PDB file of N, CA and C in Angstrom:
ATOM      1  N   UNK A   1      16.389  -1.432   0.675  1.00  0.00           N
ATOM      2  CA  UNK A   1      15.323  -0.948  -0.290  1.00  0.00           C
ATOM      3  C   UNK A   1      15.273   0.420  -0.629  1.00  0.00           C
ATOM      4  N   UNK A   2      16.431   1.275  -0.038  1.00  0.00           N
ATOM      5  CA  UNK A   2      16.540   2.313  -0.555  1.00  0.00           C
ATOM      6  C   UNK A   2      15.537   3.133   0.005  1.00  0.00           C
ATOM      7  N   UNK A   3      15.616   4.262  -0.787  1.00  0.00           N
ATOM      8  CA  UNK A   3      14.359   5.462  -0.255  1.00  0.00           C
ATOM      9  C   UNK A   3      12.783   5.342  -0.653  1.00  0.00           C
ATOM     10  N   UNK A   4      12.761   3.920  -1.470  1.00  0.00           N
ATOM     11  CA  UNK A   4      11.268   4.015  -2.278  1.00  0.00           C
ATOM     12  C   UNK A   4      10.558   3.262  -1.279  1.00  0.00           C
ATOM     13  N   UNK A   5       9.413   3.882  -1.206  1.00  0.00           N
ATOM     14  CA  UNK A   5       8.275   3.082  -0.984  1.00  0.00           C
ATOM     15  C   UNK A   5       7.689   1.764  -1.359  1.00  0.00           C
ATOM     16  N   UNK A   6       8.036   1.484  -2.839  1.00  0.00           N
ATOM     17  CA  UNK A   6       7.505   0.489  -3.657  1.00  0.00           C
ATOM     18  C   UNK A   6       8.625  -0.614  -3.382  1.00  0.00           C
ATOM     19  N   UNK A   7       8.625  -1.772  -3.249  1.00  0.00           N
ATOM     20  CA  UNK A   7       9.261  -2.495  -2.849  1.00  0.00           C
ATOM     21  C   UNK A   7       9.756  -3.215  -4.287  1.00  0.00           C
ATOM     22  N   UNK A   8      11.076  -3.705  -4.776  1.00  0.00           N
ATOM     23  CA  UNK A   8      10.966  -4.916  -5.877  1.00  0.00           C
ATOM     24  C   UNK A   8       9.692  -5.550  -6.027  1.00  0.00           C
ATOM     25  N   UNK A   9       9.507  -5.912  -7.326  1.00  0.00           N
ATOM     26  CA  UNK A   9       8.538  -7.020  -7.498  1.00  0.00           C
ATOM     27  C   UNK A   9       8.630  -8.262  -6.623  1.00  0.00           C
ATOM     28  N   UNK A  10       7.682  -8.986  -6.129  1.00  0.00           N
ATOM     29  CA  UNK A  10       8.584 -10.454  -5.512  1.00  0.00           C
ATOM     30  C   UNK A  10       7.074 -11.359  -5.854  1.00  0.00           C
ATOM     31  N   UNK A  11       7.448 -12.593  -5.799  1.00  0.00           N
ATOM     32  CA  UNK A  11       6.497 -13.528  -5.826  1.00  0.00           C
ATOM     33  C   UNK A  11       5.159 -12.977  -5.098  1.00  0.00           C
ATOM     34  N   UNK A  12       3.601 -13.536  -5.739  1.00  0.00           N
ATOM     35  CA  UNK A  12       2.773 -13.295  -5.411  1.00  0.00           C
ATOM     36  C   UNK A  12       2.567 -14.118  -3.876  1.00  0.00           C
ATOM     37  N   UNK A  13       1.958 -13.575  -2.875  1.00  0.00           N
ATOM     38  CA  UNK A  13       1.554 -14.144  -1.836  1.00  0.00           C
ATOM     39  C   UNK A  13       0.259 -15.044  -1.447  1.00  0.00           C
ATOM     40  N   UNK A  14       0.197 -16.256  -2.408  1.00  0.00           N
ATOM     41  CA  UNK A  14      -1.085 -16.910  -2.791  1.00  0.00           C
ATOM     42  C   UNK A  14      -1.462 -17.676  -2.007  1.00  0.00           C
ATOM     43  N   UNK A  15      -1.768 -17.237  -0.553  1.00  0.00           N
ATOM     44  CA  UNK A  15      -2.294 -18.080   0.399  1.00  0.00           C
ATOM     45  C   UNK A  15      -3.582 -18.322   0.296  1.00  0.00           C
ATOM     46  N   UNK A  16      -4.192 -19.525   0.386  1.00  0.00           N
ATOM     47  CA  UNK A  16      -5.383 -20.051   0.024  1.00  0.00           C
ATOM     48  C   UNK A  16      -6.273 -19.203   0.982  1.00  0.00           C
ATOM     49  N   UNK A  17      -5.929 -19.043   2.303  1.00  0.00           N
ATOM     50  CA  UNK A  17      -7.031 -18.093   3.325  1.00  0.00           C
ATOM     51  C   UNK A  17      -6.830 -16.716   2.573  1.00  0.00           C
ATOM     52  N   UNK A  18      -6.127 -16.155   2.226  1.00  0.00           N
ATOM     53  CA  UNK A  18      -6.289 -14.829   1.701  1.00  0.00           C
ATOM     54  C   UNK A  18      -7.176 -14.710   0.327  1.00  0.00           C
ATOM     55  N   UNK A  19      -7.082 -15.589  -0.681  1.00  0.00           N
ATOM     56  CA  UNK A  19      -7.107 -15.449  -1.818  1.00  0.00           C
ATOM     57  C   UNK A  19      -8.773 -16.129  -1.992  1.00  0.00           C
ATOM     58  N   UNK A  20      -9.133 -16.780  -1.151  1.00  0.00           N
ATOM     59  CA  UNK A  20     -10.488 -17.464  -1.144  1.00  0.00           C
ATOM     60  C   UNK A  20     -11.769 -16.710  -0.743  1.00  0.00           C
ATOM     61  N   UNK A  21     -11.418 -15.544   0.058  1.00  0.00           N
ATOM     62  CA  UNK A  21     -12.215 -14.643   0.387  1.00  0.00           C
ATOM     63  C   UNK A  21     -12.004 -13.687  -0.545  1.00  0.00           C
ATOM     64  N   UNK A  22     -11.500 -13.092  -1.240  1.00  0.00           N
ATOM     65  CA  UNK A  22     -11.252 -12.114  -1.817  1.00  0.00           C
ATOM     66  C   UNK A  22     -11.780 -12.499  -3.421  1.00  0.00           C
ATOM     67  N   UNK A  23     -12.561 -11.422  -4.241  1.00  0.00           N
ATOM     68  CA  UNK A  23     -12.900 -11.730  -5.416  1.00  0.00           C
ATOM     69  C   UNK A  23     -11.980 -11.068  -6.594  1.00  0.00           C
ATOM     70  N   UNK A  24     -11.863 -11.806  -7.401  1.00  0.00           N
ATOM     71  CA  UNK A  24     -11.322 -11.247  -9.106  1.00  0.00           C
ATOM     72  C   UNK A  24     -12.022 -10.230  -9.785  1.00  0.00           C
ATOM     73  N   UNK A  25     -11.141  -9.227 -10.043  1.00  0.00           N
ATOM     74  CA  UNK A  25     -11.669  -8.072 -10.721  1.00  0.00           C
ATOM     75  C   UNK A  25     -11.623  -8.354 -12.188  1.00  0.00           C
ATOM     76  N   UNK A  26     -11.052  -9.181 -12.854  1.00  0.00           N
ATOM     77  CA  UNK A  26     -10.921  -9.148 -14.347  1.00  0.00           C
ATOM     78  C   UNK A  26      -9.708  -9.148 -14.409  1.00  0.00           C
ATOM     79  N   UNK A  27      -8.585  -9.014 -13.779  1.00  0.00           N
ATOM     80  CA  UNK A  27      -7.209  -9.191 -13.823  1.00  0.00           C
ATOM     81  C   UNK A  27      -6.680 -10.318 -12.760  1.00  0.00           C
ATOM     82  N   UNK A  28      -5.881 -11.232 -13.428  1.00  0.00           N
ATOM     83  CA  UNK A  28      -5.570 -12.291 -12.564  1.00  0.00           C
ATOM     84  C   UNK A  28      -4.635 -12.186 -11.267  1.00  0.00           C
ATOM     85  N   UNK A  29      -4.023 -10.901 -11.391  1.00  0.00           N
ATOM     86  CA  UNK A  29      -3.060 -10.529 -10.453  1.00  0.00           C
ATOM     87  C   UNK A  29      -3.770  -9.680  -9.579  1.00  0.00           C
ATOM     88  N   UNK A  30      -5.044  -9.270  -9.325  1.00  0.00           N
ATOM     89  CA  UNK A  30      -5.720  -8.357  -8.788  1.00  0.00           C
ATOM     90  C   UNK A  30      -7.026  -8.750  -8.440  1.00  0.00           C
ATOM     91  N   UNK A  31      -7.226  -8.679  -6.712  1.00  0.00           N
ATOM     92  CA  UNK A  31      -8.168  -9.220  -6.000  1.00  0.00           C
ATOM     93  C   UNK A  31      -8.740  -8.077  -5.279  1.00  0.00           C
ATOM     94  N   UNK A  32     -10.194  -8.077  -4.776  1.00  0.00           N
ATOM     95  CA  UNK A  32     -10.877  -6.948  -4.106  1.00  0.00           C
ATOM     96  C   UNK A  32     -11.902  -7.731  -3.370  1.00  0.00           C
ATOM     97  N   UNK A  33     -12.144  -7.136  -1.993  1.00  0.00           N
ATOM     98  CA  UNK A  33     -12.785  -7.301  -1.327  1.00  0.00           C
ATOM     99  C   UNK A  33     -13.806  -5.671  -1.012  1.00  0.00           C
ATOM    100  N   UNK A  34     -15.109  -5.404  -1.269  1.00  0.00           N
ATOM    101  CA  UNK A  34     -15.413  -4.217  -0.978  1.00  0.00           C
ATOM    102  C   UNK A  34     -16.887  -3.905  -1.979  1.00  0.00           C
ATOM    103  N   UNK A  35     -17.504  -2.898  -1.656  1.00  0.00           N
ATOM    104  CA  UNK A  35     -18.528  -2.925  -2.432  1.00  0.00           C
ATOM    105  C   UNK A  35     -18.008  -1.977  -3.699  1.00  0.00           C
ATOM    106  N   UNK A  36     -18.622  -2.631  -4.930  1.00  0.00           N
ATOM    107  CA  UNK A  36     -18.019  -2.166  -6.089  1.00  0.00           C
ATOM    108  C   UNK A  36     -19.163  -1.162  -6.830  1.00  0.00           C
ATOM    109  N   UNK A  37     -20.360  -1.357  -6.421  1.00  0.00           N
ATOM    110  CA  UNK A  37     -21.155  -0.650  -6.910  1.00  0.00           C
ATOM    111  C   UNK A  37     -22.011   0.762  -6.237  1.00  0.00           C
ATOM    112  N   UNK A  38     -21.398   1.177  -5.267  1.00  0.00           N
ATOM    113  CA  UNK A  38     -21.781   2.415  -4.789  1.00  0.00           C
ATOM    114  C   UNK A  38     -21.819   3.700  -5.253  1.00  0.00           C
ATOM    115  N   UNK A  39     -21.341   3.877  -6.370  1.00  0.00           N
ATOM    116  CA  UNK A  39     -21.253   4.964  -7.228  1.00  0.00           C
ATOM    117  C   UNK A  39     -20.672   6.681  -6.491  1.00  0.00           C
ATOM    118  N   UNK A  40     -19.916   6.120  -5.489  1.00  0.00           N
ATOM    119  CA  UNK A  40     -19.229   6.927  -4.556  1.00  0.00           C
ATOM    120  C   UNK A  40     -18.308   7.264  -5.169  1.00  0.00           C
ATOM    121  N   UNK A  41     -17.495   8.603  -4.952  1.00  0.00           N
ATOM    122  CA  UNK A  41     -16.104   8.830  -5.662  1.00  0.00           C
ATOM    123  C   UNK A  41     -15.142   8.100  -5.458  1.00  0.00           C
ATOM    124  N   UNK A  42     -15.409   8.031  -3.870  1.00  0.00           N
ATOM    125  CA  UNK A  42     -13.883   7.056  -3.225  1.00  0.00           C
ATOM    126  C   UNK A  42     -14.601   5.691  -2.483  1.00  0.00           C
ATOM    127  N   UNK A  43     -14.069   4.690  -2.653  1.00  0.00           N
ATOM    128  CA  UNK A  43     -14.358   3.175  -1.936  1.00  0.00           C
ATOM    129  C   UNK A  43     -13.568   3.026  -1.042  1.00  0.00           C
ATOM    130  N   UNK A  44     -13.872   2.509   0.097  1.00  0.00           N
ATOM    131  CA  UNK A  44     -13.093   1.848   1.052  1.00  0.00           C
ATOM    132  C   UNK A  44     -13.005  -0.080   0.374  1.00  0.00           C
ATOM    133  N   UNK A  45     -11.530  -0.241  -0.053  1.00  0.00           N
ATOM    134  CA  UNK A  45     -11.785  -1.401  -0.272  1.00  0.00           C
ATOM    135  C   UNK A  45     -10.398  -2.455   0.319  1.00  0.00           C
ATOM    136  N   UNK A  46     -10.421  -3.509   0.023  1.00  0.00           N
ATOM    137  CA  UNK A  46      -9.271  -4.457  -0.048  1.00  0.00           C
ATOM    138  C   UNK A  46      -8.905  -4.857  -1.179  1.00  0.00           C
ATOM    139  N   UNK A  47      -7.732  -4.632  -1.355  1.00  0.00           N
ATOM    140  CA  UNK A  47      -7.375  -5.441  -2.603  1.00  0.00           C
ATOM    141  C   UNK A  47      -5.630  -5.982  -2.358  1.00  0.00           C
ATOM    142  N   UNK A  48      -5.407  -7.106  -3.277  1.00  0.00           N
ATOM    143  CA  UNK A  48      -4.375  -8.137  -3.118  1.00  0.00           C
ATOM    144  C   UNK A  48      -3.945  -7.858  -4.298  1.00  0.00           C
ATOM    145  N   UNK A  49      -2.713  -7.031  -4.199  1.00  0.00           N
ATOM    146  CA  UNK A  49      -2.079  -7.115  -5.532  1.00  0.00           C
ATOM    147  C   UNK A  49      -0.786  -8.032  -5.649  1.00  0.00           C
ATOM    148  N   UNK A  50      -0.964  -8.933  -6.613  1.00  0.00           N
ATOM    149  CA  UNK A  50       0.210 -10.142  -6.584  1.00  0.00           C
ATOM    150  C   UNK A  50       1.521  -9.805  -6.396  1.00  0.00           C
ATOM    151  N   UNK A  51       1.927  -8.552  -6.930  1.00  0.00           N
ATOM    152  CA  UNK A  51       3.509  -8.611  -7.012  1.00  0.00           C
ATOM    153  C   UNK A  51       3.686  -7.318  -5.604  1.00  0.00           C
ATOM    154  N   UNK A  52       2.441  -6.777  -5.127  1.00  0.00           N
ATOM    155  CA  UNK A  52       2.704  -6.013  -3.880  1.00  0.00           C
ATOM    156  C   UNK A  52       2.255  -6.208  -2.927  1.00  0.00           C
ATOM    157  N   UNK A  53       1.476  -6.990  -2.875  1.00  0.00           N
ATOM    158  CA  UNK A  53       0.753  -7.098  -1.209  1.00  0.00           C
ATOM    159  C   UNK A  53      -0.723  -6.724  -1.275  1.00  0.00           C
ATOM    160  N   UNK A  54      -1.195  -6.575   0.217  1.00  0.00           N
ATOM    161  CA  UNK A  54      -2.402  -6.332   0.580  1.00  0.00           C
ATOM    162  C   UNK A  54      -2.606  -4.826   0.725  1.00  0.00           C
ATOM    163  N   UNK A  55      -3.478  -4.009   0.194  1.00  0.00           N
ATOM    164  CA  UNK A  55      -3.683  -2.824   0.268  1.00  0.00           C
ATOM    165  C   UNK A  55      -5.160  -2.786   0.594  1.00  0.00           C
ATOM    166  N   UNK A  56      -5.492  -1.625   1.769  1.00  0.00           N
ATOM    167  CA  UNK A  56      -6.832  -1.680   2.493  1.00  0.00           C
ATOM    168  C   UNK A  56      -6.553  -0.006   2.629  1.00  0.00           C
ATOM    169  N   UNK A  57      -8.225   0.212   1.471  1.00  0.00           N
ATOM    170  CA  UNK A  57      -8.101   1.917   1.770  1.00  0.00           C
ATOM    171  C   UNK A  57      -9.152   2.392   1.013  1.00  0.00           C
ATOM    172  N   UNK A  58      -8.794   3.555   0.807  1.00  0.00           N
ATOM    173  CA  UNK A  58      -9.602   4.163  -0.056  1.00  0.00           C
ATOM    174  C   UNK A  58      -9.290   4.212  -1.799  1.00  0.00           C
ATOM    175  N   UNK A  59      -9.834   3.805  -2.739  1.00  0.00           N
ATOM    176  CA  UNK A  59      -9.782   4.157  -3.872  1.00  0.00           C
ATOM    177  C   UNK A  59     -10.883   4.384  -4.821  1.00  0.00           C
ATOM    178  N   UNK A  60     -10.321   4.900  -6.320  1.00  0.00           N
ATOM    179  CA  UNK A  60     -11.428   5.638  -7.196  1.00  0.00           C
ATOM    180  C   UNK A  60     -12.478   4.674  -7.944  1.00  0.00           C
ATOM    181  N   UNK A  61     -13.337   5.125  -8.685  1.00  0.00           N
ATOM    182  CA  UNK A  61     -13.782   4.285  -9.639  1.00  0.00           C
ATOM    183  C   UNK A  61     -12.954   3.318 -10.434  1.00  0.00           C
ATOM    184  N   UNK A  62     -11.979   3.418 -10.490  1.00  0.00           N
ATOM    185  CA  UNK A  62     -11.196   2.481 -11.560  1.00  0.00           C
ATOM    186  C   UNK A  62     -10.241   1.748 -10.934  1.00  0.00           C
ATOM    187  N   UNK A  63     -10.415   1.911  -9.482  1.00  0.00           N
ATOM    188  CA  UNK A  63      -9.510   0.842  -8.812  1.00  0.00           C
ATOM    189  C   UNK A  63      -8.150   1.287  -8.303  1.00  0.00           C
ATOM    190  N   UNK A  64      -7.837   2.667  -8.714  1.00  0.00           N
ATOM    191  CA  UNK A  64      -6.615   3.073  -8.274  1.00  0.00           C
ATOM    192  C   UNK A  64      -6.845   3.448  -6.968  1.00  0.00           C
ATOM    193  N   UNK A  65      -5.218   3.167  -5.948  1.00  0.00           N
ATOM    194  CA  UNK A  65      -5.504   3.801  -4.700  1.00  0.00           C
ATOM    195  C   UNK A  65      -5.743   5.409  -4.846  1.00  0.00           C
ATOM    196  N   UNK A  66      -6.253   5.900  -3.904  1.00  0.00           N
ATOM    197  CA  UNK A  66      -6.794   7.263  -4.037  1.00  0.00           C
ATOM    198  C   UNK A  66      -7.340   7.923  -2.787  1.00  0.00           C
ATOM    199  N   UNK A  67      -6.472   8.683  -2.023  1.00  0.00           N
ATOM    200  CA  UNK A  67      -6.802   9.187  -0.520  1.00  0.00           C
ATOM    201  C   UNK A  67      -5.909   8.291   0.150  1.00  0.00           C
ATOM    202  N   UNK A  68      -6.825   8.098   1.633  1.00  0.00           N
ATOM    203  CA  UNK A  68      -5.660   7.447   2.596  1.00  0.00           C
ATOM    204  C   UNK A  68      -6.017   6.236   2.325  1.00  0.00           C
ATOM    205  N   UNK A  69      -4.804   5.245   2.611  1.00  0.00           N
ATOM    206  CA  UNK A  69      -4.970   3.889   2.882  1.00  0.00           C
ATOM    207  C   UNK A  69      -3.182   3.092   3.251  1.00  0.00           C
ATOM    208  N   UNK A  70      -3.551   1.792   3.576  1.00  0.00           N
ATOM    209  CA  UNK A  70      -2.371   1.137   4.193  1.00  0.00           C
ATOM    210  C   UNK A  70      -2.002  -0.244   3.200  1.00  0.00           C
ATOM    211  N   UNK A  71      -0.786  -0.083   2.788  1.00  0.00           N
ATOM    212  CA  UNK A  71       0.062  -0.872   1.691  1.00  0.00           C
ATOM    213  C   UNK A  71       0.709  -2.112   2.646  1.00  0.00           C
ATOM    214  N   UNK A  72       0.370  -3.211   3.002  1.00  0.00           N
ATOM    215  CA  UNK A  72       1.163  -3.982   3.443  1.00  0.00           C
ATOM    216  C   UNK A  72       2.183  -5.020   2.218  1.00  0.00           C
ATOM    217  N   UNK A  73       3.254  -4.851   1.891  1.00  0.00           N
ATOM    218  CA  UNK A  73       4.174  -5.301   1.137  1.00  0.00           C
ATOM    219  C   UNK A  73       4.511  -6.913   1.055  1.00  0.00           C
ATOM    220  N   UNK A  74       4.854  -7.625   0.388  1.00  0.00           N
ATOM    221  CA  UNK A  74       5.411  -8.709   0.525  1.00  0.00           C
ATOM    222  C   UNK A  74       6.305  -9.018   1.181  1.00  0.00           C
ATOM    223  N   UNK A  75       7.166  -8.364   1.462  1.00  0.00           N
ATOM    224  CA  UNK A  75       8.719  -8.614   2.276  1.00  0.00           C
ATOM    225  C   UNK A  75       8.903  -7.929   3.295  1.00  0.00           C
ATOM    226  N   UNK A  76       7.082  -7.594   3.970  1.00  0.00           N
ATOM    227  CA  UNK A  76       7.048  -7.235   5.283  1.00  0.00           C
ATOM    228  C   UNK A  76       7.020  -6.023   5.728  1.00  0.00           C
ATOM    229  N   UNK A  77       7.388  -4.976   4.532  1.00  0.00           N
ATOM    230  CA  UNK A  77       7.570  -3.519   4.821  1.00  0.00           C
ATOM    231  C   UNK A  77       5.906  -3.010   4.662  1.00  0.00           C
ATOM    232  N   UNK A  78       5.724  -1.811   5.197  1.00  0.00           N
ATOM    233  CA  UNK A  78       4.574  -0.886   5.374  1.00  0.00           C
ATOM    234  C   UNK A  78       4.360   0.122   5.326  1.00  0.00           C
ATOM    235  N   UNK A  79       3.132   0.620   4.104  1.00  0.00           N
ATOM    236  CA  UNK A  79       3.129   2.272   4.052  1.00  0.00           C
ATOM    237  C   UNK A  79       1.823   2.273   4.411  1.00  0.00           C
ATOM    238  N   UNK A  80       1.503   3.632   5.357  1.00  0.00           N
ATOM    239  CA  UNK A  80       0.602   3.950   5.559  1.00  0.00           C
ATOM    240  C   UNK A  80       0.334   5.628   5.298  1.00  0.00           C
ATOM    241  N   UNK A  81      -0.672   5.996   4.922  1.00  0.00           N
ATOM    242  CA  UNK A  81      -0.517   7.252   4.553  1.00  0.00           C
ATOM    243  C   UNK A  81      -1.309   7.639   3.241  1.00  0.00           C
ATOM    244  N   UNK A  82      -1.062   8.720   2.742  1.00  0.00           N
ATOM    245  CA  UNK A  82      -2.060   9.128   1.539  1.00  0.00           C
ATOM    246  C   UNK A  82      -1.670   8.954   0.006  1.00  0.00           C
ATOM    247  N   UNK A  83      -2.358   8.658  -0.785  1.00  0.00           N
ATOM    248  CA  UNK A  83      -2.458   8.092  -2.082  1.00  0.00           C
ATOM    249  C   UNK A  83      -2.871   8.964  -3.287  1.00  0.00           C
ATOM    250  N   UNK A  84      -1.965   9.208  -4.432  1.00  0.00           N
ATOM    251  CA  UNK A  84      -2.757  10.063  -5.207  1.00  0.00           C
ATOM    252  C   UNK A  84      -2.281   9.033  -6.662  1.00  0.00           C
ATOM    253  N   UNK A  85      -3.364   9.109  -7.307  1.00  0.00           N
ATOM    254  CA  UNK A  85      -3.151   8.519  -8.967  1.00  0.00           C
ATOM    255  C   UNK A  85      -2.506   7.173  -8.503  1.00  0.00           C
ATOM    256  N   UNK A  86      -2.623   6.090  -7.672  1.00  0.00           N
ATOM    257  CA  UNK A  86      -2.079   4.935  -7.427  1.00  0.00           C
ATOM    258  C   UNK A  86      -0.799   5.082  -6.823  1.00  0.00           C
ATOM    259  N   UNK A  87      -0.223   6.029  -6.143  1.00  0.00           N
ATOM    260  CA  UNK A  87       1.370   6.251  -5.865  1.00  0.00           C
ATOM    261  C   UNK A  87       1.133   6.918  -4.393  1.00  0.00           C
ATOM    262  N   UNK A  88       1.829   6.490  -3.779  1.00  0.00           N
ATOM    263  CA  UNK A  88       2.056   6.696  -2.318  1.00  0.00           C
ATOM    264  C   UNK A  88       2.224   8.387  -2.030  1.00  0.00           C
ATOM    265  N   UNK A  89       1.938   9.348  -1.748  1.00  0.00           N
ATOM    266  CA  UNK A  89       2.276  11.034  -2.259  1.00  0.00           C
ATOM    267  C   UNK A  89       1.341  11.492  -0.865  1.00  0.00           C
ATOM    268  N   UNK A  90       2.383  12.597  -0.365  1.00  0.00           N
ATOM    269  CA  UNK A  90       1.959  13.246   0.850  1.00  0.00           C
ATOM    270  C   UNK A  90       2.734  13.181   2.282  1.00  0.00           C
ATOM    271  N   UNK A  91       1.924  12.878   3.267  1.00  0.00           N
ATOM    272  CA  UNK A  91       2.321  12.806   4.500  1.00  0.00           C
ATOM    273  C   UNK A  91       1.892  11.134   4.966  1.00  0.00           C
ATOM    274  N   UNK A  92       2.846  10.580   5.568  1.00  0.00           N
ATOM    275  CA  UNK A  92       2.698   8.934   5.577  1.00  0.00           C
ATOM    276  C   UNK A  92       3.902   8.597   6.485  1.00  0.00           C
ATOM    277  N   UNK A  93       3.621   7.214   7.149  1.00  0.00           N
ATOM    278  CA  UNK A  93       4.580   6.427   7.458  1.00  0.00           C
ATOM    279  C   UNK A  93       4.915   4.985   6.912  1.00  0.00           C
ATOM    280  N   UNK A  94       6.488   5.042   6.859  1.00  0.00           N
ATOM    281  CA  UNK A  94       6.773   3.716   6.060  1.00  0.00           C
ATOM    282  C   UNK A  94       7.384   2.836   6.940  1.00  0.00           C
ATOM    283  N   UNK A  95       7.300   1.714   7.124  1.00  0.00           N
ATOM    284  CA  UNK A  95       7.985   0.675   8.133  1.00  0.00           C
ATOM    285  C   UNK A  95       8.512  -0.262   7.316  1.00  0.00           C
ATOM    286  N   UNK A  96      10.100  -0.287   7.340  1.00  0.00           N
ATOM    287  CA  UNK A  96      10.540  -0.920   6.522  1.00  0.00           C
ATOM    288  C   UNK A  96      11.020  -2.452   7.254  1.00  0.00           C
ATOM    289  N   UNK A  97      11.154  -3.226   6.175  1.00  0.00           N
ATOM    290  CA  UNK A  97      10.949  -4.782   6.826  1.00  0.00           C
ATOM    291  C   UNK A  97      12.255  -5.117   8.095  1.00  0.00           C
ATOM    292  N   UNK A  98      13.169  -4.286   8.307  1.00  0.00           N
ATOM    293  CA  UNK A  98      13.925  -3.899   9.235  1.00  0.00           C
ATOM    294  C   UNK A  98      13.701  -3.660  10.351  1.00  0.00           C
ATOM    295  N   UNK A  99      12.424  -3.003  10.518  1.00  0.00           N
ATOM    296  CA  UNK A  99      11.841  -2.285  11.715  1.00  0.00           C
ATOM    297  C   UNK A  99      12.016  -0.621  11.511  1.00  0.00           C
ATOM    298  N   UNK A 100      12.680  -0.143  10.843  1.00  0.00           N
ATOM    299  CA  UNK A 100      13.335   1.258  11.032  1.00  0.00           C
ATOM    300  C   UNK A 100      11.806   2.122  10.356  1.00  0.00           C
ATOM    301  N   UNK A 101      11.377   2.974  10.788  1.00  0.00           N
ATOM    302  CA  UNK A 101      10.306   4.130  10.603  1.00  0.00           C
ATOM    303  C   UNK A 101      10.515   5.218  10.179  1.00  0.00           C
ATOM    304  N   UNK A 102      10.156   5.509   9.113  1.00  0.00           N
ATOM    305  CA  UNK A 102       9.782   6.759   8.199  1.00  0.00           C
ATOM    306  C   UNK A 102       8.680   7.308   8.506  1.00  0.00           C
ATOM    307  N   UNK A 103       8.900   8.863   9.218  1.00  0.00           N
ATOM    308  CA  UNK A 103       7.630   9.303   9.168  1.00  0.00           C
ATOM    309  C   UNK A 103       7.909  10.949   8.935  1.00  0.00           C
ATOM    310  N   UNK A 104       6.985  11.257   7.560  1.00  0.00           N
ATOM    311  CA  UNK A 104       7.291  12.400   7.016  1.00  0.00           C
ATOM    312  C   UNK A 104       6.509  12.228   5.557  1.00  0.00           C
ATOM    313  N   UNK A 105       7.120  13.178   4.528  1.00  0.00           N
ATOM    314  CA  UNK A 105       6.445  13.528   3.313  1.00  0.00           C
ATOM    315  C   UNK A 105       7.073  12.688   2.307  1.00  0.00           C
ATOM    316  N   UNK A 106       6.221  12.238   1.366  1.00  0.00           N
ATOM    317  CA  UNK A 106       6.396  11.119   0.426  1.00  0.00           C
ATOM    318  C   UNK A 106       5.928  11.778  -1.043  1.00  0.00           C
ATOM    319  N   UNK A 107       6.867  11.402  -2.130  1.00  0.00           N
ATOM    320  CA  UNK A 107       6.561  11.835  -3.539  1.00  0.00           C
ATOM    321  C   UNK A 107       6.447  10.815  -4.440  1.00  0.00           C
ATOM    322  N   UNK A 108       5.934  10.339  -5.084  1.00  0.00           N
ATOM    323  CA  UNK A 108       5.911   9.429  -6.448  1.00  0.00           C
ATOM    324  C   UNK A 108       6.594   8.076  -5.521  1.00  0.00           C
ATOM    325  N   UNK A 109       6.342   7.880  -4.317  1.00  0.00           N
ATOM    326  CA  UNK A 109       6.523   6.630  -3.917  1.00  0.00           C
ATOM    327  C   UNK A 109       8.025   6.926  -3.252  1.00  0.00           C
ATOM    328  N   UNK A 110       8.831   7.845  -2.996  1.00  0.00           N
ATOM    329  CA  UNK A 110       9.609   8.115  -2.327  1.00  0.00           C
ATOM    330  C   UNK A 110       9.906   9.097  -1.298  1.00  0.00           C
ATOM    331  N   UNK A 111      10.764   8.921  -0.172  1.00  0.00           N
ATOM    332  CA  UNK A 111      11.116   9.891   0.738  1.00  0.00           C
ATOM    333  C   UNK A 111      11.299  11.131   0.413  1.00  0.00           C
ATOM    334  N   UNK A 112      10.700  12.491   0.366  1.00  0.00           N
ATOM    335  CA  UNK A 112      10.675  13.481  -0.292  1.00  0.00           C
ATOM    336  C   UNK A 112      10.041  14.629   0.919  1.00  0.00           C
ATOM    337  N   UNK A 113      11.330  15.681   0.815  1.00  0.00           N
ATOM    338  CA  UNK A 113      11.015  16.954   1.950  1.00  0.00           C
ATOM    339  C   UNK A 113      11.165  16.286   3.194  1.00  0.00           C
ATOM    340  N   UNK A 114      10.301  17.005   4.368  1.00  0.00           N
ATOM    341  CA  UNK A 114      10.650  16.888   5.919  1.00  0.00           C
ATOM    342  C   UNK A 114      10.283  15.416   6.229  1.00  0.00           C
ATOM    343  N   UNK A 115      11.029  14.992   7.209  1.00  0.00           N
ATOM    344  CA  UNK A 115      10.692  13.563   7.682  1.00  0.00           C
ATOM    345  C   UNK A 115      11.784  13.143   8.179  1.00  0.00           C
ATOM    346  N   UNK A 116      11.245  12.243   9.193  1.00  0.00           N
ATOM    347  CA  UNK A 116      12.419  11.644  10.529  1.00  0.00           C
ATOM    348  C   UNK A 116      12.448  10.094  10.189  1.00  0.00           C
ATOM    349  N   UNK A 117      13.802   9.496  10.451  1.00  0.00           N
ATOM    350  CA  UNK A 117      14.060   8.321  10.118  1.00  0.00           C
ATOM    351  C   UNK A 117      14.137   7.790  11.740  1.00  0.00           C
ATOM    352  N   UNK A 118      13.416   6.664  12.516  1.00  0.00           N
ATOM    353  CA  UNK A 118      13.660   6.100  13.715  1.00  0.00           C
ATOM    354  C   UNK A 118      14.168   4.389  13.386  1.00  0.00           C
ATOM    355  N   UNK A 119      14.938   4.465  14.455  1.00  0.00           N
ATOM    356  CA  UNK A 119      15.641   2.893  14.338  1.00  0.00           C
ATOM    357  C   UNK A 119      14.720   1.999  15.328  1.00  0.00           C
ATOM    358  N   UNK A 120      14.711   1.069  15.082  1.00  0.00           N
ATOM    359  CA  UNK A 120      13.861   0.150  16.173  1.00  0.00           C
ATOM    360  C   UNK A 120      14.085   0.273  17.654  1.00  0.00           C
ATOM    361  N   UNK A 121      15.873   0.930  18.055  1.00  0.00           N
ATOM    362  CA  UNK A 121      16.163   1.076  19.330  1.00  0.00           C
ATOM    363  C   UNK A 121      15.685   2.460  19.913  1.00  0.00           C
ATOM    364  N   UNK A 122      15.194   3.558  18.597  1.00  0.00           N
ATOM    365  CA  UNK A 122      14.769   4.503  18.886  1.00  0.00           C
ATOM    366  C   UNK A 122      15.766   5.519  18.632  1.00  0.00           C
ATOM    367  N   UNK A 123      16.566   5.435  17.979  1.00  0.00           N
ATOM    368  CA  UNK A 123      17.460   6.060  17.630  1.00  0.00           C
ATOM    369  C   UNK A 123      17.220   7.073  16.193  1.00  0.00           C
ATOM    370  N   UNK A 124      17.580   8.307  16.255  1.00  0.00           N
ATOM    371  CA  UNK A 124      16.788   8.802  14.863  1.00  0.00           C
ATOM    372  C   UNK A 124      18.155   9.249  14.050  1.00  0.00           C
TER     373      UNK A 124
END
């Protein structure tokens, strides 16, 4: 996966259990669960992206990831941290599919600045 927090596009995980409880929001590849009409600047939602997996966290009025959230990718990786304009940005944790953990700064979806990488056995 290199240093990108955004994995290559993969086929959608279309398990009936996930999609049946989510509501389509006008895009056949995007489903959500949450309060759409709250009028708040940021809302907490669950959104299933067909090419990226499940996101749980803050979104803006246009359903862009904004603020704090967790993205669970199709390949088993997970990013937990801050988002700006639909991109991982700021401080966060990235758990790669192989179990490696990156904790540190992220810019435009890539490791950037200060951070540490820890292997599953604890080596850094």
